[in-house]
Amino acid sequence: TIYFGGGTPSLLSDKEISDFLNEARSDFSVSENPEITLEANP
């Protein structure tokens, strides 16, 4: 599981989110079907 909390993570751009997820996959063994959650304001 990877969870973006805050604060307001929905203020991140697509690229900023992708950069974190790419870093996570580079540094850790991430499962094939992880739960990846973003807290978002309406």
PDB file of all heavy atoms in Angstrom:
ATOM      1  N   THR A   1       0.839  -1.203   0.000  1.00  0.00           N
ATOM      2  CA  THR A   1       0.000   0.000   0.000  1.00  0.00           C
ATOM      3  C   THR A   1       0.872   1.252   0.000  1.00  0.00           C
ATOM      4  O   THR A   1       1.898   1.295   0.680  1.00  0.00           O
ATOM      5  CB  THR A   1      -0.940   0.057   1.224  1.00  0.00           C
ATOM      6  OG1 THR A   1      -0.170   0.216   2.425  1.00  0.00           O
ATOM      7  CG2 THR A   1      -1.797  -1.199   1.330  1.00  0.00           C
ATOM      8  N   ILE A   2       0.452   2.249  -0.762  1.00  0.00           N
ATOM      9  CA  ILE A   2       1.090   3.563  -0.765  1.00  0.00           C
ATOM     10  C   ILE A   2      -0.020   4.591  -0.591  1.00  0.00           C
ATOM     11  O   ILE A   2      -1.032   4.545  -1.303  1.00  0.00           O
ATOM     12  CB  ILE A   2       1.866   3.830  -2.063  1.00  0.00           C
ATOM     13  CG1 ILE A   2       2.960   2.762  -2.247  1.00  0.00           C
ATOM     14  CG2 ILE A   2       2.479   5.229  -2.065  1.00  0.00           C
ATOM     15  CD1 ILE A   2       3.693   2.848  -3.579  1.00  0.00           C
ATOM     16  N   TYR A   3       0.162   5.494   0.369  1.00  0.00           N
ATOM     17  CA  TYR A   3      -0.914   6.413   0.736  1.00  0.00           C
ATOM     18  C   TYR A   3      -0.390   7.848   0.729  1.00  0.00           C
ATOM     19  O   TYR A   3       0.541   8.179   1.463  1.00  0.00           O
ATOM     20  CB  TYR A   3      -1.438   6.052   2.120  1.00  0.00           C
ATOM     21  CG  TYR A   3      -2.728   6.720   2.523  1.00  0.00           C
ATOM     22  CD1 TYR A   3      -3.932   6.037   2.488  1.00  0.00           C
ATOM     23  CD2 TYR A   3      -2.746   8.049   2.961  1.00  0.00           C
ATOM     24  CE1 TYR A   3      -5.132   6.636   2.862  1.00  0.00           C
ATOM     25  CE2 TYR A   3      -3.925   8.661   3.331  1.00  0.00           C
ATOM     26  CZ  TYR A   3      -5.114   7.952   3.286  1.00  0.00           C
ATOM     27  OH  TYR A   3      -6.295   8.557   3.653  1.00  0.00           O
ATOM     28  N   PHE A   4      -0.990   8.693  -0.115  1.00  0.00           N
ATOM     29  CA  PHE A   4      -0.681  10.121  -0.126  1.00  0.00           C
ATOM     30  C   PHE A   4      -1.664  10.823   0.803  1.00  0.00           C
ATOM     31  O   PHE A   4      -2.860  10.923   0.507  1.00  0.00           O
ATOM     32  CB  PHE A   4      -0.809  10.692  -1.538  1.00  0.00           C
ATOM     33  CG  PHE A   4       0.231  10.222  -2.511  1.00  0.00           C
ATOM     34  CD1 PHE A   4       0.069   9.037  -3.227  1.00  0.00           C
ATOM     35  CD2 PHE A   4       1.379  10.967  -2.722  1.00  0.00           C
ATOM     36  CE1 PHE A   4       1.019   8.601  -4.134  1.00  0.00           C
ATOM     37  CE2 PHE A   4       2.343  10.549  -3.634  1.00  0.00           C
ATOM     38  CZ  PHE A   4       2.165   9.357  -4.340  1.00  0.00           C
ATOM     39  N   GLY A   5      -1.168  11.314   1.958  1.00  0.00           N
ATOM     40  CA  GLY A   5      -2.023  12.005   2.920  1.00  0.00           C
ATOM     41  C   GLY A   5      -1.554  13.428   3.134  1.00  0.00           C
ATOM     42  O   GLY A   5      -0.575  13.875   2.551  1.00  0.00           O
ATOM     43  N   GLY A   6      -2.276  14.144   3.982  1.00  0.00           N
ATOM     44  CA  GLY A   6      -1.872  15.537   4.176  1.00  0.00           C
ATOM     45  C   GLY A   6      -2.587  16.215   5.314  1.00  0.00           C
ATOM     46  O   GLY A   6      -3.068  15.548   6.212  1.00  0.00           O
ATOM     47  N   GLY A   7      -2.670  17.598   5.184  1.00  0.00           N
ATOM     48  CA  GLY A   7      -2.504  18.340   3.971  1.00  0.00           C
ATOM     49  C   GLY A   7      -3.516  17.999   2.892  1.00  0.00           C
ATOM     50  O   GLY A   7      -4.519  17.389   3.119  1.00  0.00           O
ATOM     51  N   THR A   8      -3.175  18.438   1.700  1.00  0.00           N
ATOM     52  CA  THR A   8      -4.058  18.226   0.554  1.00  0.00           C
ATOM     53  C   THR A   8      -3.257  17.658  -0.614  1.00  0.00           C
ATOM     54  O   THR A   8      -2.771  18.405  -1.478  1.00  0.00           O
ATOM     55  CB  THR A   8      -4.738  19.551   0.142  1.00  0.00           C
ATOM     56  OG1 THR A   8      -5.298  20.185   1.285  1.00  0.00           O
ATOM     57  CG2 THR A   8      -5.839  19.288  -0.878  1.00  0.00           C
ATOM     58  N   PRO A   9      -3.084  16.338  -0.654  1.00  0.00           N
ATOM     59  CA  PRO A   9      -2.303  15.731  -1.742  1.00  0.00           C
ATOM     60  C   PRO A   9      -2.887  15.954  -3.124  1.00  0.00           C
ATOM     61  O   PRO A   9      -2.155  15.848  -4.119  1.00  0.00           O
ATOM     62  CB  PRO A   9      -2.323  14.237  -1.388  1.00  0.00           C
ATOM     63  CG  PRO A   9      -2.640  14.190   0.066  1.00  0.00           C
ATOM     64  CD  PRO A   9      -3.516  15.365   0.336  1.00  0.00           C
ATOM     65  N   SER A  10      -4.192  16.259  -3.201  1.00  0.00           N
ATOM     66  CA  SER A  10      -4.787  16.479  -4.522  1.00  0.00           C
ATOM     67  C   SER A  10      -4.301  17.770  -5.160  1.00  0.00           C
ATOM     68  O   SER A  10      -4.655  18.071  -6.308  1.00  0.00           O
ATOM     69  CB  SER A  10      -6.315  16.465  -4.436  1.00  0.00           C
ATOM     70  OG  SER A  10      -6.803  17.327  -3.434  1.00  0.00           O
ATOM     71  N   LEU A  11      -3.452  18.535  -4.457  1.00  0.00           N
ATOM     72  CA  LEU A  11      -2.807  19.704  -5.063  1.00  0.00           C
ATOM     73  C   LEU A  11      -1.582  19.307  -5.886  1.00  0.00           C
ATOM     74  O   LEU A  11      -1.035  20.133  -6.629  1.00  0.00           O
ATOM     75  CB  LEU A  11      -2.380  20.703  -3.975  1.00  0.00           C
ATOM     76  CG  LEU A  11      -3.519  21.400  -3.216  1.00  0.00           C
ATOM     77  CD1 LEU A  11      -2.951  22.291  -2.118  1.00  0.00           C
ATOM     78  CD2 LEU A  11      -4.385  22.219  -4.168  1.00  0.00           C
ATOM     79  N   LEU A  12      -1.151  18.054  -5.777  1.00  0.00           N
ATOM     80  CA  LEU A  12      -0.004  17.594  -6.565  1.00  0.00           C
ATOM     81  C   LEU A  12      -0.370  17.457  -8.036  1.00  0.00           C
ATOM     82  O   LEU A  12      -1.500  17.109  -8.379  1.00  0.00           O
ATOM     83  CB  LEU A  12       0.473  16.236  -6.062  1.00  0.00           C
ATOM     84  CG  LEU A  12       1.096  16.152  -4.672  1.00  0.00           C
ATOM     85  CD1 LEU A  12       1.490  14.711  -4.361  1.00  0.00           C
ATOM     86  CD2 LEU A  12       2.305  17.071  -4.551  1.00  0.00           C
ATOM     87  N   SER A  13       0.610  17.670  -8.887  1.00  0.00           N
ATOM     88  CA  SER A  13       0.412  17.434 -10.315  1.00  0.00           C
ATOM     89  C   SER A  13       0.563  15.945 -10.607  1.00  0.00           C
ATOM     90  O   SER A  13       1.105  15.185  -9.797  1.00  0.00           O
ATOM     91  CB  SER A  13       1.445  18.212 -11.126  1.00  0.00           C
ATOM     92  OG  SER A  13       2.741  17.663 -10.937  1.00  0.00           O
ATOM     93  N   ASP A  14       0.104  15.532 -11.788  1.00  0.00           N
ATOM     94  CA  ASP A  14       0.270  14.135 -12.200  1.00  0.00           C
ATOM     95  C   ASP A  14       1.745  13.732 -12.150  1.00  0.00           C
ATOM     96  O   ASP A  14       2.094  12.646 -11.686  1.00  0.00           O
ATOM     97  CB  ASP A  14      -0.235  13.916 -13.619  1.00  0.00           C
ATOM     98  CG  ASP A  14      -1.651  14.399 -13.826  1.00  0.00           C
ATOM     99  OD1 ASP A  14      -2.339  14.664 -12.816  1.00  0.00           O
ATOM    100  OD2 ASP A  14      -2.063  14.512 -14.990  1.00  0.00           O
ATOM    101  N   LYS A  15       2.611  14.600 -12.636  1.00  0.00           N
ATOM    102  CA  LYS A  15       4.034  14.277 -12.684  1.00  0.00           C
ATOM    103  C   LYS A  15       4.610  14.122 -11.289  1.00  0.00           C
ATOM    104  O   LYS A  15       5.433  13.226 -11.041  1.00  0.00           O
ATOM    105  CB  LYS A  15       4.802  15.350 -13.448  1.00  0.00           C
ATOM    106  CG  LYS A  15       6.295  15.013 -13.587  1.00  0.00           C
ATOM    107  CD  LYS A  15       7.051  16.073 -14.352  1.00  0.00           C
ATOM    108  CE  LYS A  15       8.503  15.674 -14.581  1.00  0.00           C
ATOM    109  NZ  LYS A  15       9.210  15.313 -13.319  1.00  0.00           N
ATOM    110  N   GLU A  16       4.197  14.990 -10.363  1.00  0.00           N
ATOM    111  CA  GLU A  16       4.712  14.900  -8.998  1.00  0.00           C
ATOM    112  C   GLU A  16       4.300  13.573  -8.349  1.00  0.00           C
ATOM    113  O   GLU A  16       5.091  12.954  -7.631  1.00  0.00           O
ATOM    114  CB  GLU A  16       4.221  16.089  -8.175  1.00  0.00           C
ATOM    115  CG  GLU A  16       4.904  17.391  -8.573  1.00  0.00           C
ATOM    116  CD  GLU A  16       4.222  18.632  -8.008  1.00  0.00           C
ATOM    117  OE1 GLU A  16       3.022  18.563  -7.678  1.00  0.00           O
ATOM    118  OE2 GLU A  16       4.890  19.680  -7.915  1.00  0.00           O
ATOM    119  N   ILE A  17       3.071  13.154  -8.602  1.00  0.00           N
ATOM    120  CA  ILE A  17       2.621  11.858  -8.084  1.00  0.00           C
ATOM    121  C   ILE A  17       3.429  10.727  -8.725  1.00  0.00           C
ATOM    122  O   ILE A  17       3.926   9.827  -8.039  1.00  0.00           O
ATOM    123  CB  ILE A  17       1.118  11.664  -8.364  1.00  0.00           C
ATOM    124  CG1 ILE A  17       0.292  12.659  -7.541  1.00  0.00           C
ATOM    125  CG2 ILE A  17       0.693  10.226  -8.032  1.00  0.00           C
ATOM    126  CD1 ILE A  17      -1.181  12.688  -7.901  1.00  0.00           C
ATOM    127  N   SER A  18       3.575  10.784 -10.039  1.00  0.00           N
ATOM    128  CA  SER A  18       4.334   9.747 -10.756  1.00  0.00           C
ATOM    129  C   SER A  18       5.772   9.669 -10.275  1.00  0.00           C
ATOM    130  O   SER A  18       6.339   8.573 -10.142  1.00  0.00           O
ATOM    131  CB  SER A  18       4.307  10.015 -12.261  1.00  0.00           C
ATOM    132  OG  SER A  18       3.016   9.888 -12.795  1.00  0.00           O
ATOM    133  N   ASP A  19       6.373  10.832 -10.004  1.00  0.00           N
ATOM    134  CA  ASP A  19       7.764  10.842  -9.529  1.00  0.00           C
ATOM    135  C   ASP A  19       7.897  10.080  -8.212  1.00  0.00           C
ATOM    136  O   ASP A  19       8.863   9.327  -8.006  1.00  0.00           O
ATOM    137  CB  ASP A  19       8.254  12.278  -9.356  1.00  0.00           C
ATOM    138  CG  ASP A  19       8.525  12.974 -10.683  1.00  0.00           C
ATOM    139  OD1 ASP A  19       8.600  12.280 -11.722  1.00  0.00           O
ATOM    140  OD2 ASP A  19       8.654  14.219 -10.683  1.00  0.00           O
ATOM    141  N   PHE A  20       6.949  10.273  -7.303  1.00  0.00           N
ATOM    142  CA  PHE A  20       6.984   9.548  -6.028  1.00  0.00           C
ATOM    143  C   PHE A  20       6.804   8.047  -6.242  1.00  0.00           C
ATOM    144  O   PHE A  20       7.509   7.232  -5.644  1.00  0.00           O
ATOM    145  CB  PHE A  20       5.897  10.069  -5.086  1.00  0.00           C
ATOM    146  CG  PHE A  20       6.297  11.269  -4.284  1.00  0.00           C
ATOM    147  CD1 PHE A  20       5.701  12.498  -4.506  1.00  0.00           C
ATOM    148  CD2 PHE A  20       7.272  11.172  -3.294  1.00  0.00           C
ATOM    149  CE1 PHE A  20       6.065  13.609  -3.764  1.00  0.00           C
ATOM    150  CE2 PHE A  20       7.650  12.277  -2.535  1.00  0.00           C
ATOM    151  CZ  PHE A  20       7.048  13.503  -2.774  1.00  0.00           C
ATOM    152  N   LEU A  21       5.867   7.680  -7.088  1.00  0.00           N
ATOM    153  CA  LEU A  21       5.601   6.256  -7.311  1.00  0.00           C
ATOM    154  C   LEU A  21       6.768   5.582  -8.029  1.00  0.00           C
ATOM    155  O   LEU A  21       7.116   4.432  -7.725  1.00  0.00           O
ATOM    156  CB  LEU A  21       4.300   6.083  -8.092  1.00  0.00           C
ATOM    157  CG  LEU A  21       3.040   6.550  -7.355  1.00  0.00           C
ATOM    158  CD1 LEU A  21       1.800   6.352  -8.228  1.00  0.00           C
ATOM    159  CD2 LEU A  21       2.867   5.824  -6.031  1.00  0.00           C
ATOM    160  N   ASN A  22       7.386   6.305  -8.948  1.00  0.00           N
ATOM    161  CA  ASN A  22       8.564   5.754  -9.625  1.00  0.00           C
ATOM    162  C   ASN A  22       9.713   5.565  -8.632  1.00  0.00           C
ATOM    163  O   ASN A  22      10.447   4.563  -8.695  1.00  0.00           O
ATOM    164  CB  ASN A  22       9.007   6.668 -10.768  1.00  0.00           C
ATOM    165  CG  ASN A  22       8.042   6.637 -11.938  1.00  0.00           C
ATOM    166  OD1 ASN A  22       7.294   5.679 -12.114  1.00  0.00           O
ATOM    167  ND2 ASN A  22       8.040   7.688 -12.734  1.00  0.00           N
ATOM    168  N   GLU A  23       9.864   6.530  -7.723  1.00  0.00           N
ATOM    169  CA  GLU A  23      10.905   6.419  -6.696  1.00  0.00           C
ATOM    170  C   GLU A  23      10.640   5.225  -5.788  1.00  0.00           C
ATOM    171  O   GLU A  23      11.556   4.469  -5.448  1.00  0.00           O
ATOM    172  CB  GLU A  23      10.972   7.705  -5.871  1.00  0.00           C
ATOM    173  CG  GLU A  23      12.142   7.761  -4.898  1.00  0.00           C
ATOM    174  CD  GLU A  23      13.481   7.798  -5.615  1.00  0.00           C
ATOM    175  OE1 GLU A  23      13.655   8.626  -6.535  1.00  0.00           O
ATOM    176  OE2 GLU A  23      14.358   6.987  -5.250  1.00  0.00           O
ATOM    177  N   ALA A  24       9.381   5.054  -5.397  1.00  0.00           N
ATOM    178  CA  ALA A  24       9.023   3.928  -4.537  1.00  0.00           C
ATOM    179  C   ALA A  24       9.344   2.597  -5.203  1.00  0.00           C
ATOM    180  O   ALA A  24       9.896   1.677  -4.580  1.00  0.00           O
ATOM    181  CB  ALA A  24       7.538   3.990  -4.180  1.00  0.00           C
ATOM    182  N   ARG A  25       9.041   2.488  -6.491  1.00  0.00           N
ATOM    183  CA  ARG A  25       9.299   1.236  -7.207  1.00  0.00           C
ATOM    184  C   ARG A  25      10.794   1.007  -7.421  1.00  0.00           C
ATOM    185  O   ARG A  25      11.245  -0.129  -7.527  1.00  0.00           O
ATOM    186  CB  ARG A  25       8.557   1.234  -8.541  1.00  0.00           C
ATOM    187  CG  ARG A  25       7.037   1.126  -8.369  1.00  0.00           C
ATOM    188  CD  ARG A  25       6.323   0.912  -9.698  1.00  0.00           C
ATOM    189  NE  ARG A  25       4.909   0.630  -9.497  1.00  0.00           N
ATOM    190  CZ  ARG A  25       3.938   1.535  -9.528  1.00  0.00           C
ATOM    191  NH1 ARG A  25       4.250   2.816  -9.748  1.00  0.00           N
ATOM    192  NH2 ARG A  25       2.693   1.194  -9.321  1.00  0.00           N
ATOM    193  N   SER A  26      11.527   2.099  -7.463  1.00  0.00           N
ATOM    194  CA  SER A  26      12.976   1.976  -7.618  1.00  0.00           C
ATOM    195  C   SER A  26      13.650   1.537  -6.315  1.00  0.00           C
ATOM    196  O   SER A  26      14.617   0.760  -6.340  1.00  0.00           O
ATOM    197  CB  SER A  26      13.557   3.319  -8.069  1.00  0.00           C
ATOM    198  OG  SER A  26      14.967   3.303  -8.085  1.00  0.00           O
ATOM    199  N   ASP A  27      13.128   2.015  -5.185  1.00  0.00           N
ATOM    200  CA  ASP A  27      13.784   1.787  -3.895  1.00  0.00           C
ATOM    201  C   ASP A  27      13.244   0.587  -3.125  1.00  0.00           C
ATOM    202  O   ASP A  27      13.923   0.070  -2.232  1.00  0.00           O
ATOM    203  CB  ASP A  27      13.645   3.028  -3.009  1.00  0.00           C
ATOM    204  CG  ASP A  27      14.266   4.263  -3.636  1.00  0.00           C
ATOM    205  OD1 ASP A  27      15.200   4.099  -4.438  1.00  0.00           O
ATOM    206  OD2 ASP A  27      13.803   5.384  -3.339  1.00  0.00           O
ATOM    207  N   PHE A  28      12.031   0.157  -3.430  1.00  0.00           N
ATOM    208  CA  PHE A  28      11.372  -0.891  -2.657  1.00  0.00           C
ATOM    209  C   PHE A  28      10.805  -1.965  -3.575  1.00  0.00           C
ATOM    210  O   PHE A  28      10.614  -1.749  -4.768  1.00  0.00           O
ATOM    211  CB  PHE A  28      10.218  -0.301  -1.823  1.00  0.00           C
ATOM    212  CG  PHE A  28      10.650   0.762  -0.860  1.00  0.00           C
ATOM    213  CD1 PHE A  28      10.691   2.097  -1.240  1.00  0.00           C
ATOM    214  CD2 PHE A  28      11.029   0.426   0.433  1.00  0.00           C
ATOM    215  CE1 PHE A  28      11.103   3.086  -0.354  1.00  0.00           C
ATOM    216  CE2 PHE A  28      11.442   1.402   1.332  1.00  0.00           C
ATOM    217  CZ  PHE A  28      11.476   2.733   0.928  1.00  0.00           C
ATOM    218  N   SER A  29      10.507  -3.104  -2.983  1.00  0.00           N
ATOM    219  CA  SER A  29       9.799  -4.165  -3.700  1.00  0.00           C
ATOM    220  C   SER A  29       8.309  -3.893  -3.564  1.00  0.00           C
ATOM    221  O   SER A  29       7.724  -4.086  -2.492  1.00  0.00           O
ATOM    222  CB  SER A  29      10.146  -5.535  -3.100  1.00  0.00           C
ATOM    223  OG  SER A  29       9.333  -6.546  -3.666  1.00  0.00           O
ATOM    224  N   VAL A  30       7.689  -3.403  -4.624  1.00  0.00           N
ATOM    225  CA  VAL A  30       6.270  -3.046  -4.606  1.00  0.00           C
ATOM    226  C   VAL A  30       5.485  -4.181  -5.260  1.00  0.00           C
ATOM    227  O   VAL A  30       5.876  -4.693  -6.321  1.00  0.00           O
ATOM    228  CB  VAL A  30       6.014  -1.720  -5.351  1.00  0.00           C
ATOM    229  CG1 VAL A  30       4.525  -1.385  -5.371  1.00  0.00           C
ATOM    230  CG2 VAL A  30       6.807  -0.590  -4.688  1.00  0.00           C
ATOM    231  N   SER A  31       4.369  -4.580  -4.639  1.00  0.00           N
ATOM    232  CA  SER A  31       3.572  -5.702  -5.139  1.00  0.00           C
ATOM    233  C   SER A  31       2.996  -5.383  -6.517  1.00  0.00           C
ATOM    234  O   SER A  31       2.951  -4.225  -6.947  1.00  0.00           O
ATOM    235  CB  SER A  31       2.445  -6.031  -4.160  1.00  0.00           C
ATOM    236  OG  SER A  31       1.505  -4.978  -4.114  1.00  0.00           O
ATOM    237  N   GLU A  32       2.529  -6.421  -7.205  1.00  0.00           N
ATOM    238  CA  GLU A  32       1.990  -6.236  -8.550  1.00  0.00           C
ATOM    239  C   GLU A  32       0.673  -5.467  -8.536  1.00  0.00           C
ATOM    240  O   GLU A  32       0.341  -4.788  -9.511  1.00  0.00           O
ATOM    241  CB  GLU A  32       1.770  -7.603  -9.213  1.00  0.00           C
ATOM    242  CG  GLU A  32       3.056  -8.329  -9.562  1.00  0.00           C
ATOM    243  CD  GLU A  32       2.797  -9.608 -10.318  1.00  0.00           C
ATOM    244  OE1 GLU A  32       1.623  -9.859 -10.683  1.00  0.00           O
ATOM    245  OE2 GLU A  32       3.761 -10.362 -10.553  1.00  0.00           O
ATOM    246  N   ASN A  33      -0.085  -5.567  -7.449  1.00  0.00           N
ATOM    247  CA  ASN A  33      -1.386  -4.907  -7.374  1.00  0.00           C
ATOM    248  C   ASN A  33      -1.519  -4.114  -6.083  1.00  0.00           C
ATOM    249  O   ASN A  33      -2.359  -4.415  -5.235  1.00  0.00           O
ATOM    250  CB  ASN A  33      -2.507  -5.948  -7.482  1.00  0.00           C
ATOM    251  CG  ASN A  33      -3.883  -5.308  -7.537  1.00  0.00           C
ATOM    252  OD1 ASN A  33      -4.050  -4.217  -8.078  1.00  0.00           O
ATOM    253  ND2 ASN A  33      -4.868  -5.980  -6.953  1.00  0.00           N
ATOM    254  N   PRO A  34      -0.705  -3.076  -5.926  1.00  0.00           N
ATOM    255  CA  PRO A  34      -0.757  -2.317  -4.677  1.00  0.00           C
ATOM    256  C   PRO A  34      -1.994  -1.431  -4.611  1.00  0.00           C
ATOM    257  O   PRO A  34      -2.532  -1.017  -5.634  1.00  0.00           O
ATOM    258  CB  PRO A  34       0.512  -1.465  -4.739  1.00  0.00           C
ATOM    259  CG  PRO A  34       0.709  -1.231  -6.207  1.00  0.00           C
ATOM    260  CD  PRO A  34       0.281  -2.521  -6.867  1.00  0.00           C
ATOM    261  N   GLU A  35      -2.437  -1.157  -3.400  1.00  0.00           N
ATOM    262  CA  GLU A  35      -3.466  -0.139  -3.195  1.00  0.00           C
ATOM    263  C   GLU A  35      -2.752   1.204  -3.093  1.00  0.00           C
ATOM    264  O   GLU A  35      -1.904   1.391  -2.221  1.00  0.00           O
ATOM    265  CB  GLU A  35      -4.235  -0.417  -1.899  1.00  0.00           C
ATOM    266  CG  GLU A  35      -5.260   0.658  -1.554  1.00  0.00           C
ATOM    267  CD  GLU A  35      -5.833   0.464  -0.163  1.00  0.00           C
ATOM    268  OE1 GLU A  35      -5.189   0.920   0.816  1.00  0.00           O
ATOM    269  OE2 GLU A  35      -6.906  -0.154  -0.044  1.00  0.00           O
ATOM    270  N   ILE A  36      -3.075   2.124  -4.005  1.00  0.00           N
ATOM    271  CA  ILE A  36      -2.422   3.441  -4.019  1.00  0.00           C
ATOM    272  C   ILE A  36      -3.508   4.505  -3.841  1.00  0.00           C
ATOM    273  O   ILE A  36      -4.332   4.719  -4.738  1.00  0.00           O
ATOM    274  CB  ILE A  36      -1.629   3.671  -5.317  1.00  0.00           C
ATOM    275  CG1 ILE A  36      -0.618   2.535  -5.522  1.00  0.00           C
ATOM    276  CG2 ILE A  36      -0.908   5.012  -5.268  1.00  0.00           C
ATOM    277  CD1 ILE A  36       0.192   2.634  -6.787  1.00  0.00           C
ATOM    278  N   THR A  37      -3.497   5.129  -2.682  1.00  0.00           N
ATOM    279  CA  THR A  37      -4.568   6.038  -2.284  1.00  0.00           C
ATOM    280  C   THR A  37      -4.112   7.489  -2.304  1.00  0.00           C
ATOM    281  O   THR A  37      -2.999   7.805  -1.879  1.00  0.00           O
ATOM    282  CB  THR A  37      -5.060   5.694  -0.857  1.00  0.00           C
ATOM    283  OG1 THR A  37      -5.418   4.315  -0.795  1.00  0.00           O
ATOM    284  CG2 THR A  37      -6.257   6.545  -0.455  1.00  0.00           C
ATOM    285  N   LEU A  38      -5.001   8.356  -2.762  1.00  0.00           N
ATOM    286  CA  LEU A  38      -4.777   9.805  -2.725  1.00  0.00           C
ATOM    287  C   LEU A  38      -5.914  10.460  -1.960  1.00  0.00           C
ATOM    288  O   LEU A  38      -7.079  10.280  -2.314  1.00  0.00           O
ATOM    289  CB  LEU A  38      -4.725  10.371  -4.150  1.00  0.00           C
ATOM    290  CG  LEU A  38      -4.467  11.875  -4.278  1.00  0.00           C
ATOM    291  CD1 LEU A  38      -2.979  12.168  -4.116  1.00  0.00           C
ATOM    292  CD2 LEU A  38      -4.961  12.409  -5.619  1.00  0.00           C
ATOM    293  N   GLU A  39      -5.590  11.193  -0.897  1.00  0.00           N
ATOM    294  CA  GLU A  39      -6.604  12.022  -0.253  1.00  0.00           C
ATOM    295  C   GLU A  39      -6.889  13.211  -1.166  1.00  0.00           C
ATOM    296  O   GLU A  39      -5.955  13.853  -1.665  1.00  0.00           O
ATOM    297  CB  GLU A  39      -6.127  12.519   1.103  1.00  0.00           C
ATOM    298  CG  GLU A  39      -6.039  11.427   2.151  1.00  0.00           C
ATOM    299  CD  GLU A  39      -5.636  11.960   3.514  1.00  0.00           C
ATOM    300  OE1 GLU A  39      -5.281  13.157   3.620  1.00  0.00           O
ATOM    301  OE2 GLU A  39      -5.674  11.186   4.489  1.00  0.00           O
ATOM    302  N   ALA A  40      -8.170  13.504  -1.386  1.00  0.00           N
ATOM    303  CA  ALA A  40      -8.538  14.546  -2.347  1.00  0.00           C
ATOM    304  C   ALA A  40      -9.670  15.403  -1.802  1.00  0.00           C
ATOM    305  O   ALA A  40     -10.599  14.883  -1.172  1.00  0.00           O
ATOM    306  CB  ALA A  40      -8.955  13.919  -3.676  1.00  0.00           C
ATOM    307  N   ASN A  41      -9.586  16.685  -2.040  1.00  0.00           N
ATOM    308  CA  ASN A  41     -10.680  17.587  -1.711  1.00  0.00           C
ATOM    309  C   ASN A  41     -11.623  17.704  -2.905  1.00  0.00           C
ATOM    310  O   ASN A  41     -11.171  17.711  -4.063  1.00  0.00           O
ATOM    311  CB  ASN A  41     -10.149  18.967  -1.330  1.00  0.00           C
ATOM    312  CG  ASN A  41      -9.626  19.006   0.086  1.00  0.00           C
ATOM    313  OD1 ASN A  41      -9.773  18.041   0.847  1.00  0.00           O
ATOM    314  ND2 ASN A  41      -8.994  20.113   0.463  1.00  0.00           N
ATOM    315  N   PRO A  42     -12.920  17.817  -2.659  1.00  0.00           N
ATOM    316  CA  PRO A  42     -13.888  17.862  -3.767  1.00  0.00           C
ATOM    317  C   PRO A  42     -13.608  18.940  -4.799  1.00  0.00           C
ATOM    318  O   PRO A  42     -13.832  18.726  -5.995  1.00  0.00           O
ATOM    319  CB  PRO A  42     -15.213  18.113  -3.040  1.00  0.00           C
ATOM    320  CG  PRO A  42     -15.031  17.459  -1.709  1.00  0.00           C
ATOM    321  CD  PRO A  42     -13.598  17.753  -1.344  1.00  0.00           C
TER     322      PRO A  42
END
